[in-house]
Amino acid sequence: MSEPEKQPGTDSAREQMRPAPVFAAATQPSYARTLFFGSDGLRPGWGLIFYFTAYYLLRRAAETFSYPRSVGALRVELLDECALLIAALLPSLVLARIEHRPWQAYGFALRNAFGKLFWIGTAWGIAALSLLMCTLSGIHAFAFGHVVLRGLRIERFALFWALMFVVVALFEEFFFRGYAQFTLARGVRFWPAAIALSCCFGILHLGNEGEQWRGAVAAACIGLFLCLTLRRTGNLWFAVGFHAAWDWGESFLYSVPDSGMKSPGHLLSSSLHGPAWLSGGSVGPEGSVVCFLVIAVTWAVFAWRYPRMVYRLPEVVTPSE
């Protein structure tokens, strides 16, 4: 039997209907892009490397700047803290553009700046520290002494230290619980990231003169509590208020060492008494075992008062990406 005759144009029609071959090189992302970017943007590891490297370089650049002799030591200290804050913020602004995220995602919602949550956090910070100091006073481990400042010096130092510790709180909260917390949580989830960064927060306190391991552990626990406030309020403003008020209360109001450092221009001639494990010794009240009880009480009351998780958790990067 003879083969059936092919209809004219059949082969050309089939060729047109056949899908075009797919070339992987034309459709797949480049190796460099795959290395640096995942499905949800810049990979967390690279983001953290860029952030901490840029912060370090900016900090070193700021350290090379010399102030005029007319600038007093306390003002130099304030300017140095401002430089640290700028060094912590600038890399995150660049990374927000690279990652195509609103900068507020990193914890500083500008619309809430120094608003209600900040002042509530300030009240909580003063209340928690006052509970600690009154407890130490009740067990005769702390004596208030008497007021050593007079006249306008009280207002001047009170305002100066308030400004100083707001800047300190802004820097430390954003550096440890802002971009770094958000980005590390993308890789390992919120609480593992919070624990790791809070441990770093505590360890860095060991560099302070007069600091000891109990104070460093207490600082880490306070940092972990501030992570809870981030999770339950949705931003860092409660934490900034709490942090600033705690430091201001230690350094100026109750005039005790703050993480091993005692500041000039304090209000009282107060003193700590008894064994270091009870009074805190050179560390200050953060080195007392009573501090851990106060942190636990503060954690429990805050968790009861703010039961709902508000913080928007970043997506976790899976290993297959």
C-alpha atoms as a PDB file:
ATOM      1  CA  MET A   1       0.000   0.000   0.000  1.00  0.00           C
ATOM      2  CA  SER A   2       1.229   3.381  -0.814  1.00  0.00           C
ATOM      3  CA  GLU A   3       1.688   5.945   1.981  1.00  0.00           C
ATOM      4  CA  PRO A   4      -1.088   8.469   2.261  1.00  0.00           C
ATOM      5  CA  GLU A   5      -0.280  11.714   0.680  1.00  0.00           C
ATOM      6  CA  LYS A   6       0.595  14.508   3.134  1.00  0.00           C
ATOM      7  CA  GLN A   7      -1.605  17.488   2.975  1.00  0.00           C
ATOM      8  CA  PRO A   8       0.244  20.534   1.890  1.00  0.00           C
ATOM      9  CA  GLY A   9       1.133  22.845   4.797  1.00  0.00           C
ATOM     10  CA  THR A  10       0.618  20.205   7.520  1.00  0.00           C
ATOM     11  CA  ASP A  11       4.257  20.103   8.648  1.00  0.00           C
ATOM     12  CA  SER A  12       4.560  23.867   8.736  1.00  0.00           C
ATOM     13  CA  ALA A  13       1.382  24.125  10.830  1.00  0.00           C
ATOM     14  CA  ARG A  14       2.691  21.574  13.322  1.00  0.00           C
ATOM     15  CA  GLU A  15       5.993  23.434  13.559  1.00  0.00           C
ATOM     16  CA  GLN A  16       4.124  26.633  14.411  1.00  0.00           C
ATOM     17  CA  MET A  17       2.088  24.870  17.130  1.00  0.00           C
ATOM     18  CA  ARG A  18       5.133  23.242  18.743  1.00  0.00           C
ATOM     19  CA  PRO A  19       6.269  25.245  21.853  1.00  0.00           C
ATOM     20  CA  ALA A  20       9.550  27.032  21.582  1.00  0.00           C
ATOM     21  CA  PRO A  21      12.448  25.423  23.437  1.00  0.00           C
ATOM     22  CA  VAL A  22      13.160  26.861  26.909  1.00  0.00           C
ATOM     23  CA  PHE A  23      16.711  27.906  27.523  1.00  0.00           C
ATOM     24  CA  ALA A  24      17.601  27.858  31.234  1.00  0.00           C
ATOM     25  CA  ALA A  25      20.261  30.498  30.816  1.00  0.00           C
ATOM     26  CA  ALA A  26      17.680  32.948  29.497  1.00  0.00           C
ATOM     27  CA  THR A  27      14.995  32.339  32.127  1.00  0.00           C
ATOM     28  CA  GLN A  28      16.862  31.489  35.359  1.00  0.00           C
ATOM     29  CA  PRO A  29      18.319  34.277  37.536  1.00  0.00           C
ATOM     30  CA  SER A  30      22.065  34.706  37.482  1.00  0.00           C
ATOM     31  CA  TYR A  31      24.249  32.923  40.016  1.00  0.00           C
ATOM     32  CA  ALA A  32      25.184  36.243  41.642  1.00  0.00           C
ATOM     33  CA  ARG A  33      21.547  37.194  42.147  1.00  0.00           C
ATOM     34  CA  THR A  34      20.722  33.748  43.535  1.00  0.00           C
ATOM     35  CA  LEU A  35      23.669  34.045  45.913  1.00  0.00           C
ATOM     36  CA  PHE A  36      22.591  37.389  47.348  1.00  0.00           C
ATOM     37  CA  PHE A  37      18.798  37.323  46.935  1.00  0.00           C
ATOM     38  CA  GLY A  38      16.094  34.810  47.850  1.00  0.00           C
ATOM     39  CA  SER A  39      12.370  34.766  47.198  1.00  0.00           C
ATOM     40  CA  ASP A  40      11.779  37.438  49.858  1.00  0.00           C
ATOM     41  CA  GLY A  41      14.645  39.742  48.935  1.00  0.00           C
ATOM     42  CA  LEU A  42      18.201  40.137  50.205  1.00  0.00           C
ATOM     43  CA  ARG A  43      19.245  37.074  52.168  1.00  0.00           C
ATOM     44  CA  PRO A  44      19.432  37.699  55.945  1.00  0.00           C
ATOM     45  CA  GLY A  45      23.100  36.766  56.260  1.00  0.00           C
ATOM     46  CA  TRP A  46      24.222  39.265  53.640  1.00  0.00           C
ATOM     47  CA  GLY A  47      21.955  41.934  55.100  1.00  0.00           C
ATOM     48  CA  LEU A  48      23.526  41.522  58.546  1.00  0.00           C
ATOM     49  CA  ILE A  49      27.053  41.491  57.122  1.00  0.00           C
ATOM     50  CA  PHE A  50      26.411  44.713  55.218  1.00  0.00           C
ATOM     51  CA  TYR A  51      24.705  46.348  58.205  1.00  0.00           C
ATOM     52  CA  PHE A  52      27.375  45.586  60.812  1.00  0.00           C
ATOM     53  CA  THR A  53      30.243  46.336  58.405  1.00  0.00           C
ATOM     54  CA  ALA A  54      28.763  49.704  57.449  1.00  0.00           C
ATOM     55  CA  TYR A  55      28.097  50.497  61.110  1.00  0.00           C
ATOM     56  CA  TYR A  56      31.690  49.648  62.042  1.00  0.00           C
ATOM     57  CA  LEU A  57      33.133  51.822  59.264  1.00  0.00           C
ATOM     58  CA  LEU A  58      30.894  54.766  60.145  1.00  0.00           C
ATOM     59  CA  ARG A  59      31.768  54.409  63.831  1.00  0.00           C
ATOM     60  CA  ARG A  60      35.485  54.362  63.076  1.00  0.00           C
ATOM     61  CA  ALA A  61      35.082  57.424  60.862  1.00  0.00           C
ATOM     62  CA  ALA A  62      33.302  59.252  63.693  1.00  0.00           C
ATOM     63  CA  GLU A  63      36.096  58.343  66.127  1.00  0.00           C
ATOM     64  CA  THR A  64      38.652  60.173  63.969  1.00  0.00           C
ATOM     65  CA  PHE A  65      36.800  63.467  64.445  1.00  0.00           C
ATOM     66  CA  SER A  66      38.251  65.732  67.143  1.00  0.00           C
ATOM     67  CA  TYR A  67      36.105  68.251  69.016  1.00  0.00           C
ATOM     68  CA  PRO A  68      37.256  71.752  69.951  1.00  0.00           C
ATOM     69  CA  ARG A  69      38.630  72.167  73.457  1.00  0.00           C
ATOM     70  CA  SER A  70      35.716  74.437  74.311  1.00  0.00           C
ATOM     71  CA  VAL A  71      33.379  71.429  74.160  1.00  0.00           C
ATOM     72  CA  GLY A  72      33.104  69.925  77.640  1.00  0.00           C
ATOM     73  CA  ALA A  73      33.544  66.237  78.414  1.00  0.00           C
ATOM     74  CA  LEU A  74      29.824  65.620  78.988  1.00  0.00           C
ATOM     75  CA  ARG A  75      28.902  67.311  75.722  1.00  0.00           C
ATOM     76  CA  VAL A  76      31.514  65.229  73.904  1.00  0.00           C
ATOM     77  CA  GLU A  77      29.922  62.116  75.418  1.00  0.00           C
ATOM     78  CA  LEU A  78      26.510  63.223  74.129  1.00  0.00           C
ATOM     79  CA  LEU A  79      27.894  63.964  70.659  1.00  0.00           C
ATOM     80  CA  ASP A  80      29.577  60.559  70.588  1.00  0.00           C
ATOM     81  CA  GLU A  81      26.255  58.865  71.356  1.00  0.00           C
ATOM     82  CA  CYS A  82      24.607  60.876  68.580  1.00  0.00           C
ATOM     83  CA  ALA A  83      27.306  59.667  66.185  1.00  0.00           C
ATOM     84  CA  LEU A  84      26.646  56.056  67.224  1.00  0.00           C
ATOM     85  CA  LEU A  85      22.930  56.557  66.603  1.00  0.00           C
ATOM     86  CA  ILE A  86      23.591  57.941  63.123  1.00  0.00           C
ATOM     87  CA  ALA A  87      25.975  55.052  62.381  1.00  0.00           C
ATOM     88  CA  ALA A  88      23.233  52.585  63.368  1.00  0.00           C
ATOM     89  CA  LEU A  89      20.488  54.284  61.346  1.00  0.00           C
ATOM     90  CA  LEU A  90      22.186  55.118  58.033  1.00  0.00           C
ATOM     91  CA  PRO A  91      22.953  51.532  56.884  1.00  0.00           C
ATOM     92  CA  SER A  92      19.351  50.520  57.589  1.00  0.00           C
ATOM     93  CA  LEU A  93      18.079  53.313  55.317  1.00  0.00           C
ATOM     94  CA  VAL A  94      20.234  51.975  52.479  1.00  0.00           C
ATOM     95  CA  LEU A  95      19.141  48.400  53.144  1.00  0.00           C
ATOM     96  CA  ALA A  96      15.485  49.414  53.201  1.00  0.00           C
ATOM     97  CA  ARG A  97      15.907  50.628  49.609  1.00  0.00           C
ATOM     98  CA  ILE A  98      17.763  47.461  48.580  1.00  0.00           C
ATOM     99  CA  GLU A  99      15.193  45.181  50.241  1.00  0.00           C
ATOM    100  CA  HIS A 100      12.205  47.245  48.997  1.00  0.00           C
ATOM    101  CA  ARG A 101      10.764  47.481  52.510  1.00  0.00           C
ATOM    102  CA  PRO A 102       9.389  50.475  54.392  1.00  0.00           C
ATOM    103  CA  TRP A 103      11.991  51.608  56.927  1.00  0.00           C
ATOM    104  CA  GLN A 104       9.319  51.447  59.640  1.00  0.00           C
ATOM    105  CA  ALA A 105       9.362  47.650  59.305  1.00  0.00           C
ATOM    106  CA  TYR A 106      12.562  47.690  61.366  1.00  0.00           C
ATOM    107  CA  GLY A 107      10.750  48.916  64.472  1.00  0.00           C
ATOM    108  CA  PHE A 108      10.866  52.716  64.356  1.00  0.00           C
ATOM    109  CA  ALA A 109       7.423  53.828  63.223  1.00  0.00           C
ATOM    110  CA  LEU A 110       8.007  57.559  62.725  1.00  0.00           C
ATOM    111  CA  ARG A 111       4.317  58.359  63.060  1.00  0.00           C
ATOM    112  CA  ASN A 112       4.547  57.094  66.659  1.00  0.00           C
ATOM    113  CA  ALA A 113       7.789  58.895  67.512  1.00  0.00           C
ATOM    114  CA  PHE A 114       7.768  60.048  71.149  1.00  0.00           C
ATOM    115  CA  GLY A 115       4.037  59.409  71.296  1.00  0.00           C
ATOM    116  CA  LYS A 116       1.843  57.549  73.755  1.00  0.00           C
ATOM    117  CA  LEU A 117       3.853  54.312  73.797  1.00  0.00           C
ATOM    118  CA  PHE A 118       7.081  56.188  74.523  1.00  0.00           C
ATOM    119  CA  TRP A 119       5.609  57.887  77.584  1.00  0.00           C
ATOM    120  CA  ILE A 120       3.942  54.676  78.787  1.00  0.00           C
ATOM    121  CA  GLY A 121       7.309  52.947  78.483  1.00  0.00           C
ATOM    122  CA  THR A 122       8.924  55.808  80.422  1.00  0.00           C
ATOM    123  CA  ALA A 123       6.428  55.351  83.251  1.00  0.00           C
ATOM    124  CA  TRP A 124       7.036  51.584  83.292  1.00  0.00           C
ATOM    125  CA  GLY A 125      10.808  52.122  83.398  1.00  0.00           C
ATOM    126  CA  ILE A 126      10.643  54.492  86.367  1.00  0.00           C
ATOM    127  CA  ALA A 127       8.134  52.233  88.132  1.00  0.00           C
ATOM    128  CA  ALA A 128      10.227  49.075  87.660  1.00  0.00           C
ATOM    129  CA  LEU A 129      13.434  50.769  88.813  1.00  0.00           C
ATOM    130  CA  SER A 130      11.659  52.373  91.791  1.00  0.00           C
ATOM    131  CA  LEU A 131      10.375  48.952  92.816  1.00  0.00           C
ATOM    132  CA  LEU A 132      13.946  47.669  92.700  1.00  0.00           C
ATOM    133  CA  MET A 133      15.421  50.586  94.672  1.00  0.00           C
ATOM    134  CA  CYS A 134      12.666  50.602  97.303  1.00  0.00           C
ATOM    135  CA  THR A 135      13.113  46.843  97.784  1.00  0.00           C
ATOM    136  CA  LEU A 136      16.867  47.303  98.230  1.00  0.00           C
ATOM    137  CA  SER A 137      16.173  50.107 100.679  1.00  0.00           C
ATOM    138  CA  GLY A 138      13.730  47.913 102.594  1.00  0.00           C
ATOM    139  CA  ILE A 139      16.355  45.201 103.083  1.00  0.00           C
ATOM    140  CA  HIS A 140      18.984  47.850 104.034  1.00  0.00           C
ATOM    141  CA  ALA A 141      21.068  47.344 100.910  1.00  0.00           C
ATOM    142  CA  PHE A 142      20.504  50.909  99.663  1.00  0.00           C
ATOM    143  CA  ALA A 143      20.423  54.313 101.368  1.00  0.00           C
ATOM    144  CA  PHE A 144      18.968  57.358  99.607  1.00  0.00           C
ATOM    145  CA  GLY A 145      21.275  59.876 101.271  1.00  0.00           C
ATOM    146  CA  HIS A 146      20.502  63.548 100.686  1.00  0.00           C
ATOM    147  CA  VAL A 147      20.202  65.942  97.745  1.00  0.00           C
ATOM    148  CA  VAL A 148      23.601  67.228  96.627  1.00  0.00           C
ATOM    149  CA  LEU A 149      22.556  69.516  93.785  1.00  0.00           C
ATOM    150  CA  ARG A 150      21.124  72.973  94.335  1.00  0.00           C
ATOM    151  CA  GLY A 151      19.028  75.452  92.361  1.00  0.00           C
ATOM    152  CA  LEU A 152      19.151  75.408  88.579  1.00  0.00           C
ATOM    153  CA  ARG A 153      21.790  72.677  88.593  1.00  0.00           C
ATOM    154  CA  ILE A 154      19.034  70.182  89.405  1.00  0.00           C
ATOM    155  CA  GLU A 155      17.025  71.116  86.306  1.00  0.00           C
ATOM    156  CA  ARG A 156      20.099  71.414  84.087  1.00  0.00           C
ATOM    157  CA  PHE A 157      21.497  67.993  84.963  1.00  0.00           C
ATOM    158  CA  ALA A 158      18.060  66.373  84.963  1.00  0.00           C
ATOM    159  CA  LEU A 159      17.418  67.613  81.416  1.00  0.00           C
ATOM    160  CA  PHE A 160      20.937  66.831  80.208  1.00  0.00           C
ATOM    161  CA  TRP A 161      20.817  63.233  81.419  1.00  0.00           C
ATOM    162  CA  ALA A 162      17.290  62.835  80.074  1.00  0.00           C
ATOM    163  CA  LEU A 163      18.511  63.891  76.618  1.00  0.00           C
ATOM    164  CA  MET A 164      21.617  61.723  76.916  1.00  0.00           C
ATOM    165  CA  PHE A 165      19.722  58.571  77.811  1.00  0.00           C
ATOM    166  CA  VAL A 166      17.058  59.104  75.171  1.00  0.00           C
ATOM    167  CA  VAL A 167      19.860  59.146  72.585  1.00  0.00           C
ATOM    168  CA  VAL A 168      21.479  56.096  74.216  1.00  0.00           C
ATOM    169  CA  ALA A 169      18.140  54.259  74.209  1.00  0.00           C
ATOM    170  CA  LEU A 170      17.448  55.163  70.575  1.00  0.00           C
ATOM    171  CA  PHE A 171      20.866  53.856  69.542  1.00  0.00           C
ATOM    172  CA  GLU A 172      20.899  50.641  71.577  1.00  0.00           C
ATOM    173  CA  GLU A 173      17.285  49.729  70.891  1.00  0.00           C
ATOM    174  CA  PHE A 174      17.623  50.156  67.147  1.00  0.00           C
ATOM    175  CA  PHE A 175      21.064  48.531  66.965  1.00  0.00           C
ATOM    176  CA  PHE A 176      20.022  45.407  68.896  1.00  0.00           C
ATOM    177  CA  ARG A 177      16.267  45.234  68.354  1.00  0.00           C
ATOM    178  CA  GLY A 178      15.725  47.137  65.114  1.00  0.00           C
ATOM    179  CA  TYR A 179      17.207  46.062  61.783  1.00  0.00           C
ATOM    180  CA  ALA A 180      19.282  43.257  63.325  1.00  0.00           C
ATOM    181  CA  GLN A 181      16.307  41.726  65.137  1.00  0.00           C
ATOM    182  CA  PHE A 182      14.064  41.938  62.067  1.00  0.00           C
ATOM    183  CA  THR A 183      16.652  40.473  59.714  1.00  0.00           C
ATOM    184  CA  LEU A 184      17.920  37.697  61.983  1.00  0.00           C
ATOM    185  CA  ALA A 185      14.301  36.714  62.712  1.00  0.00           C
ATOM    186  CA  ARG A 186      13.833  36.170  58.964  1.00  0.00           C
ATOM    187  CA  GLY A 187      16.356  33.357  59.223  1.00  0.00           C
ATOM    188  CA  VAL A 188      15.761  31.820  62.657  1.00  0.00           C
ATOM    189  CA  ARG A 189      12.378  33.225  63.843  1.00  0.00           C
ATOM    190  CA  PHE A 190      11.673  35.921  66.420  1.00  0.00           C
ATOM    191  CA  TRP A 191      12.616  34.426  69.798  1.00  0.00           C
ATOM    192  CA  PRO A 192      15.850  32.669  68.783  1.00  0.00           C
ATOM    193  CA  ALA A 193      16.934  35.987  67.236  1.00  0.00           C
ATOM    194  CA  ALA A 194      15.866  37.872  70.368  1.00  0.00           C
ATOM    195  CA  ILE A 195      17.822  35.509  72.641  1.00  0.00           C
ATOM    196  CA  ALA A 196      20.979  35.711  70.509  1.00  0.00           C
ATOM    197  CA  LEU A 197      20.945  39.514  70.287  1.00  0.00           C
ATOM    198  CA  SER A 198      20.059  39.943  73.966  1.00  0.00           C
ATOM    199  CA  CYS A 199      23.054  37.774  74.881  1.00  0.00           C
ATOM    200  CA  CYS A 200      25.236  40.029  72.728  1.00  0.00           C
ATOM    201  CA  PHE A 201      23.684  43.049  74.465  1.00  0.00           C
ATOM    202  CA  GLY A 202      24.652  41.618  77.846  1.00  0.00           C
ATOM    203  CA  ILE A 203      28.162  40.559  76.804  1.00  0.00           C
ATOM    204  CA  LEU A 204      28.991  44.031  75.489  1.00  0.00           C
ATOM    205  CA  HIS A 205      28.197  45.456  78.937  1.00  0.00           C
ATOM    206  CA  LEU A 206      31.212  43.541  80.271  1.00  0.00           C
ATOM    207  CA  GLY A 207      33.359  46.187  78.598  1.00  0.00           C
ATOM    208  CA  ASN A 208      32.150  48.786  81.127  1.00  0.00           C
ATOM    209  CA  GLU A 209      34.455  49.557  84.028  1.00  0.00           C
ATOM    210  CA  GLY A 210      32.995  48.078  87.215  1.00  0.00           C
ATOM    211  CA  GLU A 211      30.675  45.668  85.357  1.00  0.00           C
ATOM    212  CA  GLN A 212      30.532  42.001  86.415  1.00  0.00           C
ATOM    213  CA  TRP A 213      28.829  38.893  85.096  1.00  0.00           C
ATOM    214  CA  ARG A 214      25.653  39.349  87.200  1.00  0.00           C
ATOM    215  CA  GLY A 215      25.130  42.786  85.710  1.00  0.00           C
ATOM    216  CA  ALA A 216      25.749  41.474  82.192  1.00  0.00           C
ATOM    217  CA  VAL A 217      23.177  38.705  82.696  1.00  0.00           C
ATOM    218  CA  ALA A 218      20.696  41.237  84.079  1.00  0.00           C
ATOM    219  CA  ALA A 219      21.285  43.461  81.028  1.00  0.00           C
ATOM    220  CA  ALA A 220      20.619  40.466  78.765  1.00  0.00           C
ATOM    221  CA  CYS A 221      17.375  39.706  80.643  1.00  0.00           C
ATOM    222  CA  ILE A 222      16.263  43.333  80.372  1.00  0.00           C
ATOM    223  CA  GLY A 223      17.075  43.195  76.656  1.00  0.00           C
ATOM    224  CA  LEU A 224      14.935  40.085  76.309  1.00  0.00           C
ATOM    225  CA  PHE A 225      12.080  41.845  78.104  1.00  0.00           C
ATOM    226  CA  LEU A 226      12.408  44.754  75.670  1.00  0.00           C
ATOM    227  CA  CYS A 227      12.097  42.234  72.826  1.00  0.00           C
ATOM    228  CA  LEU A 228       8.784  41.184  74.390  1.00  0.00           C
ATOM    229  CA  THR A 229       7.628  44.817  74.340  1.00  0.00           C
ATOM    230  CA  LEU A 230       8.536  44.988  70.632  1.00  0.00           C
ATOM    231  CA  ARG A 231       6.514  41.850  69.923  1.00  0.00           C
ATOM    232  CA  ARG A 232       3.476  43.003  71.889  1.00  0.00           C
ATOM    233  CA  THR A 233       3.389  46.706  70.897  1.00  0.00           C
ATOM    234  CA  GLY A 234       4.552  46.436  67.284  1.00  0.00           C
ATOM    235  CA  ASN A 235       7.436  48.936  67.480  1.00  0.00           C
ATOM    236  CA  LEU A 236      10.355  50.076  69.621  1.00  0.00           C
ATOM    237  CA  TRP A 237       8.920  53.213  71.209  1.00  0.00           C
ATOM    238  CA  PHE A 238       7.815  51.543  74.458  1.00  0.00           C
ATOM    239  CA  ALA A 239      11.288  49.985  74.704  1.00  0.00           C
ATOM    240  CA  VAL A 240      12.993  53.337  74.064  1.00  0.00           C
ATOM    241  CA  GLY A 241      10.961  55.012  76.818  1.00  0.00           C
ATOM    242  CA  PHE A 242      11.578  52.165  79.276  1.00  0.00           C
ATOM    243  CA  HIS A 243      15.308  52.012  78.494  1.00  0.00           C
ATOM    244  CA  ALA A 244      15.832  55.777  78.771  1.00  0.00           C
ATOM    245  CA  ALA A 245      13.855  56.036  82.014  1.00  0.00           C
ATOM    246  CA  TRP A 246      15.697  53.089  83.615  1.00  0.00           C
ATOM    247  CA  ASP A 247      19.118  54.574  82.786  1.00  0.00           C
ATOM    248  CA  TRP A 248      18.062  58.099  83.839  1.00  0.00           C
ATOM    249  CA  GLY A 249      16.643  56.780  87.095  1.00  0.00           C
ATOM    250  CA  GLU A 250      19.832  54.901  87.945  1.00  0.00           C
ATOM    251  CA  SER A 251      22.304  57.597  86.910  1.00  0.00           C
ATOM    252  CA  PHE A 252      20.513  60.778  88.042  1.00  0.00           C
ATOM    253  CA  LEU A 253      17.418  60.166  90.174  1.00  0.00           C
ATOM    254  CA  TYR A 254      18.727  57.410  92.468  1.00  0.00           C
ATOM    255  CA  SER A 255      22.389  58.268  91.792  1.00  0.00           C
ATOM    256  CA  VAL A 256      23.730  54.709  91.657  1.00  0.00           C
ATOM    257  CA  PRO A 257      26.089  53.025  89.166  1.00  0.00           C
ATOM    258  CA  ASP A 258      24.482  52.117  85.847  1.00  0.00           C
ATOM    259  CA  SER A 259      26.077  48.926  84.500  1.00  0.00           C
ATOM    260  CA  GLY A 260      29.248  49.734  86.435  1.00  0.00           C
ATOM    261  CA  MET A 261      29.389  53.438  85.546  1.00  0.00           C
ATOM    262  CA  LYS A 262      28.504  56.277  87.919  1.00  0.00           C
ATOM    263  CA  SER A 263      27.713  59.592  86.272  1.00  0.00           C
ATOM    264  CA  PRO A 264      28.657  63.079  87.465  1.00  0.00           C
ATOM    265  CA  GLY A 265      25.897  65.556  88.177  1.00  0.00           C
ATOM    266  CA  HIS A 266      23.694  63.065  90.040  1.00  0.00           C
ATOM    267  CA  LEU A 267      20.955  64.157  92.419  1.00  0.00           C
ATOM    268  CA  LEU A 268      21.618  62.231  95.651  1.00  0.00           C
ATOM    269  CA  SER A 269      24.478  61.131  97.879  1.00  0.00           C
ATOM    270  CA  SER A 270      23.071  57.606  97.822  1.00  0.00           C
ATOM    271  CA  SER A 271      25.023  54.456  98.645  1.00  0.00           C
ATOM    272  CA  LEU A 272      24.778  50.670  98.357  1.00  0.00           C
ATOM    273  CA  HIS A 273      25.495  48.417 101.339  1.00  0.00           C
ATOM    274  CA  GLY A 274      26.023  44.741 102.061  1.00  0.00           C
ATOM    275  CA  PRO A 275      27.326  41.887  99.911  1.00  0.00           C
ATOM    276  CA  ALA A 276      27.636  42.570  96.189  1.00  0.00           C
ATOM    277  CA  TRP A 277      25.228  39.761  95.252  1.00  0.00           C
ATOM    278  CA  LEU A 278      22.502  41.565  97.231  1.00  0.00           C
ATOM    279  CA  SER A 279      23.265  45.267  96.714  1.00  0.00           C
ATOM    280  CA  GLY A 280      24.899  45.008  93.293  1.00  0.00           C
ATOM    281  CA  GLY A 281      28.204  46.460  94.457  1.00  0.00           C
ATOM    282  CA  SER A 282      30.215  48.303  91.820  1.00  0.00           C
ATOM    283  CA  VAL A 283      27.792  47.165  89.101  1.00  0.00           C
ATOM    284  CA  GLY A 284      24.864  49.013  90.644  1.00  0.00           C
ATOM    285  CA  PRO A 285      21.394  47.583  91.299  1.00  0.00           C
ATOM    286  CA  GLU A 286      21.532  45.563  88.065  1.00  0.00           C
ATOM    287  CA  GLY A 287      24.103  43.354  89.790  1.00  0.00           C
ATOM    288  CA  SER A 288      21.698  42.461  92.603  1.00  0.00           C
ATOM    289  CA  VAL A 289      19.717  39.216  92.639  1.00  0.00           C
ATOM    290  CA  VAL A 290      16.705  41.389  93.471  1.00  0.00           C
ATOM    291  CA  CYS A 291      16.952  42.847  89.955  1.00  0.00           C
ATOM    292  CA  PHE A 292      16.106  39.448  88.453  1.00  0.00           C
ATOM    293  CA  LEU A 293      12.967  39.248  90.598  1.00  0.00           C
ATOM    294  CA  VAL A 294      11.910  42.731  89.471  1.00  0.00           C
ATOM    295  CA  ILE A 295      12.494  41.812  85.813  1.00  0.00           C
ATOM    296  CA  ALA A 296      10.360  38.678  86.256  1.00  0.00           C
ATOM    297  CA  VAL A 297       7.532  40.669  87.871  1.00  0.00           C
ATOM    298  CA  THR A 298       7.735  43.351  85.170  1.00  0.00           C
ATOM    299  CA  TRP A 299       7.671  40.673  82.439  1.00  0.00           C
ATOM    300  CA  ALA A 300       4.603  38.970  83.955  1.00  0.00           C
ATOM    301  CA  VAL A 301       2.639  42.202  84.442  1.00  0.00           C
ATOM    302  CA  PHE A 302       3.482  43.440  80.945  1.00  0.00           C
ATOM    303  CA  ALA A 303       2.528  40.101  79.338  1.00  0.00           C
ATOM    304  CA  TRP A 304      -0.799  40.246  81.184  1.00  0.00           C
ATOM    305  CA  ARG A 305      -1.414  43.888  80.248  1.00  0.00           C
ATOM    306  CA  TYR A 306      -0.416  43.425  76.586  1.00  0.00           C
ATOM    307  CA  PRO A 307      -1.551  39.889  75.649  1.00  0.00           C
ATOM    308  CA  ARG A 308      -1.793  40.322  71.866  1.00  0.00           C
ATOM    309  CA  MET A 309       1.095  39.966  69.438  1.00  0.00           C
ATOM    310  CA  VAL A 310       1.194  43.106  67.271  1.00  0.00           C
ATOM    311  CA  TYR A 311       4.690  42.970  65.761  1.00  0.00           C
ATOM    312  CA  ARG A 312       4.593  41.886  62.135  1.00  0.00           C
ATOM    313  CA  LEU A 313       6.866  38.873  61.948  1.00  0.00           C
ATOM    314  CA  PRO A 314       9.174  38.739  58.921  1.00  0.00           C
ATOM    315  CA  GLU A 315       9.029  35.709  56.656  1.00  0.00           C
ATOM    316  CA  VAL A 316      11.435  32.919  57.555  1.00  0.00           C
ATOM    317  CA  VAL A 317      13.862  31.990  54.793  1.00  0.00           C
ATOM    318  CA  THR A 318      13.773  28.259  54.147  1.00  0.00           C
ATOM    319  CA  PRO A 319      16.965  26.328  53.334  1.00  0.00           C
ATOM    320  CA  SER A 320      15.674  25.383  49.882  1.00  0.00           C
ATOM    321  CA  GLU A 321      15.754  28.962  48.736  1.00  0.00           C
END
